[in-house]
Amino acid sequence: MDDKALQQCGCWHNGQHYPVGSEFWTDNSCSTKCTCPTRGGKVQCSSASCPAGQYCGVQNGKPECLDHTYGICNVHGDPHYVTFDKVTHDFMGNCTYTLAKVCSNSSVPYFNVEAKNETSCVVPWRPTLTRARQPA
């Protein structure tokens, strides 16, 4: 086999084949990134991390840097709400609050998450999370 044919073969790393020019992470924490160079077949690795605004996640069985596409809201205590934009609210009384729901047509299945404030003799406040049906 001539040198040009060898260069087109790609690289092997830990029993996995990678095409010439490809980049890949060697661990699920995205701390070591490797490349299969265009010349030769020896894998080159170095310390790396995901860029700002991304996190390391596993997709299709392989680690990747993925965009943050989710948010976290939090309900706790008597009752404290921290919204997706990290604003804190305190609501008292017997009420039901919508925490999250699908607002428009999208590829996301319809859902509706609510917290229900109820006073009780044992617990002063407890959230109740429910999944609602899609409106008709």
Protein backbone atom coordinates (compact mmCIF):
# COMPACT_ATOMS: atom_id res chain seq x y z
CA MET A 1 0.00 0.00 0.00
CA ASP A 2 1.45 3.41 -0.94
CA ASP A 3 1.69 6.44 1.40
CA LYS A 4 -1.37 8.17 -0.10
CA ALA A 5 -3.55 5.10 0.49
CA LEU A 6 -2.30 4.83 4.10
CA GLN A 7 -3.19 8.50 4.75
CA GLN A 8 -6.77 7.91 3.59
CA CYS A 9 -7.26 4.97 5.97
CA GLY A 10 -7.89 7.13 9.03
CA CYS A 11 -6.93 6.35 12.63
CA TRP A 12 -7.68 3.79 15.30
CA HIS A 13 -7.99 4.83 18.94
CA ASN A 14 -9.11 2.49 21.76
CA GLY A 15 -10.57 0.06 19.22
CA GLN A 16 -12.60 2.76 17.41
CA HIS A 17 -11.92 3.91 13.83
CA TYR A 18 -11.93 7.63 12.97
CA PRO A 19 -11.74 9.13 9.47
CA VAL A 20 -8.88 11.42 8.47
CA GLY A 21 -9.53 14.97 9.69
CA SER A 22 -12.07 13.99 12.36
CA GLU A 23 -12.08 15.32 15.94
CA PHE A 24 -13.40 13.40 18.92
CA TRP A 25 -13.50 13.42 22.72
CA THR A 26 -11.92 10.50 24.56
CA ASP A 27 -14.03 10.79 27.73
CA ASN A 28 -17.57 11.70 28.80
CA SER A 29 -16.36 14.87 30.54
CA CYS A 30 -14.92 16.44 27.34
CA SER A 31 -11.53 17.01 28.93
CA THR A 32 -9.37 15.42 26.22
CA LYS A 33 -9.93 16.10 22.52
CA CYS A 34 -8.21 14.10 19.79
CA THR A 35 -7.81 14.49 16.05
CA CYS A 36 -6.98 12.09 13.28
CA PRO A 37 -4.53 14.20 11.23
CA THR A 38 -4.49 14.42 7.46
CA ARG A 39 -0.97 13.02 7.41
CA GLY A 40 -0.25 9.61 8.83
CA GLY A 41 -2.51 7.64 11.09
CA LYS A 42 -1.38 8.55 14.61
CA VAL A 43 -4.04 10.16 16.80
CA GLN A 44 -3.06 13.49 18.39
CA CYS A 45 -4.70 14.37 21.72
CA SER A 46 -4.62 17.40 24.00
CA SER A 47 -6.44 18.81 27.02
CA ALA A 48 -9.53 20.78 26.06
CA SER A 49 -13.00 21.76 27.24
CA CYS A 50 -16.30 22.88 25.78
CA PRO A 51 -16.57 26.55 24.82
CA ALA A 52 -18.49 29.05 26.94
CA GLY A 53 -22.24 28.57 26.59
CA GLN A 54 -21.93 24.83 25.98
CA TYR A 55 -21.78 21.75 28.19
CA CYS A 56 -20.43 18.24 27.70
CA GLY A 57 -23.18 15.72 27.04
CA VAL A 58 -23.49 12.32 25.45
CA GLN A 59 -25.46 12.21 22.20
CA ASN A 60 -25.83 9.08 20.07
CA GLY A 61 -23.44 7.33 22.45
CA LYS A 62 -20.61 9.83 21.95
CA PRO A 63 -19.53 12.81 24.07
CA GLU A 64 -20.14 16.20 22.44
CA CYS A 65 -20.23 19.87 23.34
CA LEU A 66 -23.90 20.84 23.26
CA ASP A 67 -25.64 24.19 23.50
CA HIS A 68 -27.53 24.90 26.71
CA THR A 69 -31.10 24.50 25.56
CA TYR A 70 -32.86 24.14 28.86
CA GLY A 71 -33.51 26.11 31.98
CA ILE A 72 -34.11 25.29 35.60
CA CYS A 73 -36.85 26.63 37.81
CA ASN A 74 -37.09 25.79 41.48
CA VAL A 75 -39.92 25.71 44.02
CA HIS A 76 -39.02 25.22 47.69
CA GLY A 77 -39.75 26.23 51.23
CA ASP A 78 -42.83 28.13 52.26
CA PRO A 79 -43.14 28.87 49.18
CA HIS A 80 -40.21 30.27 47.25
CA TYR A 81 -40.04 30.28 43.45
CA VAL A 82 -36.90 30.80 41.37
CA THR A 83 -37.82 31.28 37.71
CA PHE A 84 -35.92 30.21 34.58
CA ASP A 85 -34.36 33.68 34.43
CA LYS A 86 -33.19 33.29 38.08
CA VAL A 87 -35.65 35.80 39.59
CA THR A 88 -36.93 34.89 43.08
CA HIS A 89 -40.61 35.29 44.02
CA ASP A 90 -42.45 34.46 47.25
CA PHE A 91 -46.16 33.65 46.90
CA MET A 92 -48.39 32.98 49.91
CA GLY A 93 -51.90 31.59 50.10
CA ASN A 94 -53.87 28.77 48.53
CA CYS A 95 -53.21 29.09 44.82
CA THR A 96 -52.12 27.16 41.76
CA TYR A 97 -49.25 28.55 39.67
CA THR A 98 -48.13 27.46 36.21
CA LEU A 99 -44.38 26.80 36.35
CA ALA A 100 -43.82 25.75 32.74
CA LYS A 101 -45.85 24.83 29.69
CA VAL A 102 -45.60 24.72 25.92
CA CYS A 103 -46.87 28.05 24.58
CA SER A 104 -46.83 27.46 20.82
CA ASN A 105 -46.72 24.74 18.21
CA SER A 106 -43.33 23.07 18.39
CA SER A 107 -41.66 19.70 18.17
CA VAL A 108 -41.82 19.48 21.98
CA PRO A 109 -44.73 17.36 23.22
CA TYR A 110 -47.34 19.39 25.07
CA PHE A 111 -46.86 19.64 28.83
CA ASN A 112 -48.02 21.87 31.67
CA VAL A 113 -46.33 21.87 35.10
CA GLU A 114 -48.17 23.52 37.99
CA ALA A 115 -47.36 24.10 41.65
CA LYS A 116 -50.27 24.17 44.05
CA ASN A 117 -49.95 25.98 47.37
CA GLU A 118 -52.02 24.33 50.10
CA THR A 119 -51.89 24.99 53.81
CA SER A 120 -51.92 21.92 56.00
CA CYS A 121 -51.77 21.16 59.73
CA VAL A 122 -48.65 19.03 59.26
CA VAL A 123 -46.78 20.75 56.44
CA PRO A 124 -47.29 24.51 55.97
CA TRP A 125 -46.78 24.27 52.21
CA ARG A 126 -46.37 21.49 49.67
CA PRO A 127 -46.13 21.72 45.88
CA THR A 128 -48.22 19.46 43.68
CA LEU A 129 -46.87 18.87 40.18
CA THR A 130 -49.26 17.64 37.54
CA ARG A 131 -49.05 16.91 33.83
CA ALA A 132 -52.03 18.32 32.00
CA ARG A 133 -53.61 17.15 28.78
CA GLN A 134 -53.26 19.17 25.63
CA PRO A 135 -56.13 21.61 25.29
CA ALA A 136 -58.66 20.84 22.57
